Amino acid sequence: MVRRVCVIYSKELENRALHSDKLIFERIAQGDAQAFAAFYEAYAVKLAVYVARFLGSELWAEEIVQDTFLKLWSIRETVGEIDNPPAFVYRMIANRAKDHLKRREHEIKLQQYMVQNFQQANTNTTQDQLDYEHGEKLVRQAIQQLPAQRALIYKMRHEQGLSYEEIAAELNISKHTVRNMLNLALNDIRSYLADHGDFTGVLVLLLFLK
């Protein structure tokens, strides 16, 4: 009897929560930033824990949650008729996490393929060595062209081998800032190599990041 009462009470609480969340989504659809902030505060941590278990990375989980809520706000005018807001957001989160895993899988396969082919092609001939040295030189030049903070963070990560947490503590910045600066640095380096038409340089960069 007691168990049945608890189940019924729990169901009532769940229905109330869904009703409350639906009202919040209706307010969000009208552009209510306070309602959006309230929903974020209620679910952001739960969602980050969910995604972290799925990805095995708290840093990426937090990033995906942030991106999902930004997306939610960008489509706010369409969410007023959603009956189950938590389920809707969980689906958004799950899809983004799956996309992230697919991208990472493709990047790893591409990196392995390119490095393997580069190593097979490198027969230690004079020209091979010159090509490799040229590519390495261009990578170094690309790093020198980076803004000071990006260059520093890149070197701390890929030359000194420091973790995101260690870099963040050393520079008194957030882990998200470290990750964003590294992504910007890599994009800048790739663009520099592409502008100079150097495929070997890209392979050297991949070797650095293994």
Protein backbone atom coordinates (compact mmCIF):
# COMPACT_ATOMS: atom_id res chain seq x y z
CA MET A 1 0.00 0.00 0.00
CA VAL A 2 2.75 2.43 1.02
CA ARG A 3 4.73 1.58 -2.10
CA ARG A 4 1.69 2.20 -4.29
CA VAL A 5 1.11 5.58 -2.66
CA CYS A 6 4.78 6.49 -3.24
CA VAL A 7 4.53 5.51 -6.90
CA ILE A 8 1.39 7.58 -7.36
CA TYR A 9 2.95 10.56 -5.56
CA SER A 10 6.11 10.25 -7.63
CA LYS A 11 4.03 10.20 -10.82
CA GLU A 12 2.17 13.31 -9.70
CA LEU A 13 5.46 15.10 -9.07
CA GLU A 14 6.71 14.07 -12.50
CA ASN A 15 3.54 15.38 -14.14
CA ARG A 16 3.86 18.65 -12.26
CA ALA A 17 7.47 18.98 -13.34
CA LEU A 18 6.55 18.33 -16.98
CA HIS A 19 3.75 20.88 -16.75
CA SER A 20 6.14 23.40 -15.24
CA ASP A 21 8.79 22.73 -17.90
CA LYS A 22 6.16 23.08 -20.63
CA LEU A 23 5.17 26.47 -19.25
CA ILE A 24 8.84 27.44 -19.17
CA PHE A 25 9.24 26.42 -22.81
CA GLU A 26 6.18 28.49 -23.71
CA ARG A 27 7.85 31.47 -22.06
CA ILE A 28 11.15 30.69 -23.82
CA ALA A 29 9.28 30.64 -27.13
CA GLN A 30 8.25 34.21 -26.36
CA GLY A 31 11.88 35.20 -25.82
CA ASP A 32 11.88 35.10 -22.01
CA ALA A 33 15.59 34.97 -21.08
CA GLN A 34 14.82 34.42 -17.39
CA ALA A 35 12.80 31.32 -18.20
CA PHE A 36 15.64 30.06 -20.36
CA ALA A 37 18.13 30.66 -17.53
CA ALA A 38 15.85 28.80 -15.11
CA PHE A 39 15.64 25.78 -17.40
CA TYR A 40 19.40 25.86 -17.90
CA GLU A 41 20.03 25.91 -14.14
CA ALA A 42 17.62 23.01 -13.64
CA TYR A 43 19.12 20.70 -16.28
CA ALA A 44 22.64 21.73 -17.32
CA VAL A 45 24.48 19.74 -14.65
CA LYS A 46 22.31 16.64 -15.13
CA LEU A 47 22.87 16.79 -18.87
CA ALA A 48 26.63 17.23 -18.48
CA VAL A 49 26.82 14.15 -16.25
CA TYR A 50 24.76 12.18 -18.79
CA VAL A 51 26.99 13.20 -21.70
CA ALA A 52 30.21 12.67 -19.74
CA ARG A 53 29.23 9.04 -19.13
CA PHE A 54 28.50 8.69 -22.84
CA LEU A 55 31.73 10.33 -24.08
CA GLY A 56 34.09 9.62 -21.21
CA SER A 57 35.11 13.30 -21.15
CA GLU A 58 33.81 15.98 -18.80
CA LEU A 59 35.37 18.74 -20.89
CA TRP A 60 33.63 17.73 -24.11
CA ALA A 61 30.43 17.04 -22.20
CA GLU A 62 30.33 20.59 -20.86
CA GLU A 63 31.06 21.95 -24.32
CA ILE A 64 28.27 19.93 -25.92
CA VAL A 65 25.80 21.01 -23.26
CA GLN A 66 26.72 24.66 -23.87
CA ASP A 67 26.33 24.22 -27.63
CA THR A 68 22.98 22.49 -27.17
CA PHE A 69 21.57 25.30 -25.06
CA LEU A 70 22.82 27.86 -27.56
CA LYS A 71 21.01 25.91 -30.26
CA LEU A 72 17.91 25.72 -28.09
CA TRP A 73 17.89 29.48 -27.68
CA SER A 74 18.40 29.97 -31.43
CA ILE A 75 15.25 27.91 -32.16
CA ARG A 76 13.29 29.25 -29.19
CA GLU A 77 10.36 30.41 -31.32
CA THR A 78 9.62 26.79 -32.29
CA VAL A 79 9.60 25.15 -28.83
CA GLY A 80 6.31 26.46 -27.44
CA GLU A 81 4.31 23.37 -28.46
CA ILE A 82 6.75 20.75 -27.14
CA ASP A 83 4.99 18.49 -24.63
CA ASN A 84 8.06 17.00 -22.93
CA PRO A 85 10.87 19.59 -22.80
CA PRO A 86 13.41 17.42 -20.89
CA ALA A 87 13.04 14.56 -23.37
CA PHE A 88 13.38 17.02 -26.25
CA VAL A 89 16.63 18.43 -24.87
CA TYR A 90 18.00 14.98 -24.01
CA ARG A 91 17.45 13.95 -27.63
CA MET A 92 19.27 17.07 -28.80
CA ILE A 93 22.15 16.27 -26.46
CA ALA A 94 22.31 12.60 -27.50
CA ASN A 95 22.39 13.49 -31.20
CA ARG A 96 25.20 16.00 -30.68
CA ALA A 97 27.19 13.50 -28.62
CA LYS A 98 26.82 10.87 -31.35
CA ASP A 99 27.90 13.39 -33.99
CA HIS A 100 30.94 14.23 -31.89
CA LEU A 101 31.93 10.57 -31.64
CA LYS A 102 31.50 10.10 -35.39
CA ARG A 103 33.70 13.12 -36.12
CA ARG A 104 36.37 11.90 -33.73
CA GLU A 105 36.28 8.44 -35.32
CA HIS A 106 36.66 9.90 -38.81
CA GLU A 107 39.50 12.19 -37.69
CA ILE A 108 41.39 9.31 -36.09
CA LYS A 109 40.96 7.10 -39.17
CA LEU A 110 42.12 9.91 -41.45
CA GLN A 111 45.10 10.64 -39.23
CA GLN A 112 46.11 6.97 -39.12
CA TYR A 113 45.70 6.62 -42.88
CA MET A 114 47.73 9.71 -43.71
CA VAL A 115 50.52 8.94 -41.27
CA GLN A 116 50.71 5.31 -42.41
CA ASN A 117 50.96 6.30 -46.06
CA PHE A 118 53.49 8.99 -45.29
CA GLN A 119 55.66 6.55 -43.36
CA GLN A 120 55.41 3.94 -46.14
CA ALA A 121 56.33 6.52 -48.76
CA ASN A 122 59.30 7.75 -46.78
CA THR A 123 62.14 5.47 -47.88
CA ASN A 124 64.78 7.71 -46.37
CA THR A 125 65.92 8.97 -49.77
CA THR A 126 67.48 12.42 -49.92
CA GLN A 127 64.35 13.91 -51.50
CA ASP A 128 62.09 12.29 -48.91
CA GLN A 129 64.20 13.75 -46.12
CA LEU A 130 64.22 17.17 -47.72
CA ASP A 131 60.43 17.08 -48.14
CA TYR A 132 59.97 16.10 -44.51
CA GLU A 133 62.34 18.80 -43.28
CA HIS A 134 60.57 21.36 -45.45
CA GLY A 135 57.20 20.36 -44.05
CA GLU A 136 58.52 20.49 -40.50
CA LYS A 137 59.99 23.94 -41.16
CA LEU A 138 56.64 25.22 -42.43
CA VAL A 139 54.88 23.89 -39.35
CA ARG A 140 57.37 25.76 -37.17
CA GLN A 141 56.84 28.90 -39.22
CA ALA A 142 53.08 28.51 -38.87
CA ILE A 143 53.43 28.28 -35.09
CA GLN A 144 55.50 31.47 -35.08
CA GLN A 145 52.68 33.27 -36.91
CA LEU A 146 50.17 32.45 -34.17
CA PRO A 147 49.00 35.10 -31.70
CA ALA A 148 51.11 34.96 -28.54
CA GLN A 149 48.57 33.17 -26.32
CA ARG A 150 47.64 30.58 -28.95
CA ALA A 151 51.31 29.84 -29.62
CA LEU A 152 52.03 29.50 -25.90
CA ILE A 153 49.09 27.17 -25.27
CA TYR A 154 49.93 25.10 -28.35
CA LYS A 155 53.53 24.63 -27.19
CA MET A 156 52.49 23.82 -23.63
CA ARG A 157 50.12 21.14 -24.92
CA HIS A 158 52.02 19.59 -27.84
CA GLU A 159 55.64 20.28 -26.97
CA GLN A 160 55.63 20.17 -23.18
CA GLY A 161 52.85 17.57 -22.99
CA LEU A 162 50.78 19.40 -20.38
CA SER A 163 47.12 18.51 -19.86
CA TYR A 164 44.25 20.97 -20.32
CA GLU A 165 43.92 21.20 -16.56
CA GLU A 166 47.63 21.93 -16.07
CA ILE A 167 47.63 24.62 -18.76
CA ALA A 168 44.48 26.20 -17.33
CA ALA A 169 46.00 26.30 -13.84
CA GLU A 170 49.33 27.66 -15.10
CA LEU A 171 47.73 30.48 -17.11
CA ASN A 172 44.78 31.07 -14.76
CA ILE A 173 42.19 30.48 -17.47
CA SER A 174 39.37 27.97 -17.93
CA LYS A 175 39.72 24.55 -19.56
CA HIS A 176 37.24 25.71 -22.20
CA THR A 177 39.50 28.62 -23.09
CA VAL A 178 42.44 26.23 -23.41
CA ARG A 179 40.49 23.95 -25.74
CA ASN A 180 39.19 26.84 -27.83
CA MET A 181 42.68 28.36 -28.15
CA LEU A 182 44.11 24.99 -29.24
CA ASN A 183 41.40 24.57 -31.86
CA LEU A 184 42.05 28.06 -33.17
CA ALA A 185 45.80 27.40 -33.23
CA LEU A 186 45.36 24.18 -35.22
CA ASN A 187 43.03 25.86 -37.67
CA ASP A 188 45.55 28.67 -38.13
CA ILE A 189 48.37 26.19 -38.72
CA ARG A 190 46.34 24.18 -41.22
CA SER A 191 45.39 27.37 -43.07
CA TYR A 192 49.03 28.44 -43.20
CA LEU A 193 50.08 25.08 -44.64
CA ALA A 194 47.22 25.11 -47.14
CA ASP A 195 48.20 28.63 -48.29
CA HIS A 196 51.73 27.37 -48.89
CA GLY A 197 50.45 24.27 -50.69
CA ASP A 198 52.37 21.87 -48.48
CA PHE A 199 50.82 18.42 -48.01
CA THR A 200 53.93 17.16 -46.23
CA GLY A 201 53.46 19.86 -43.62
CA VAL A 202 49.99 18.59 -42.85
CA LEU A 203 51.43 15.11 -42.34
CA VAL A 204 54.11 16.50 -40.04
CA LEU A 205 51.41 18.25 -38.05
CA LEU A 206 49.50 14.97 -37.72
CA LEU A 207 52.64 13.26 -36.50
CA PHE A 208 53.07 15.95 -33.85
CA LEU A 209 49.52 15.37 -32.63
CA LYS A 210 49.59 11.57 -32.37
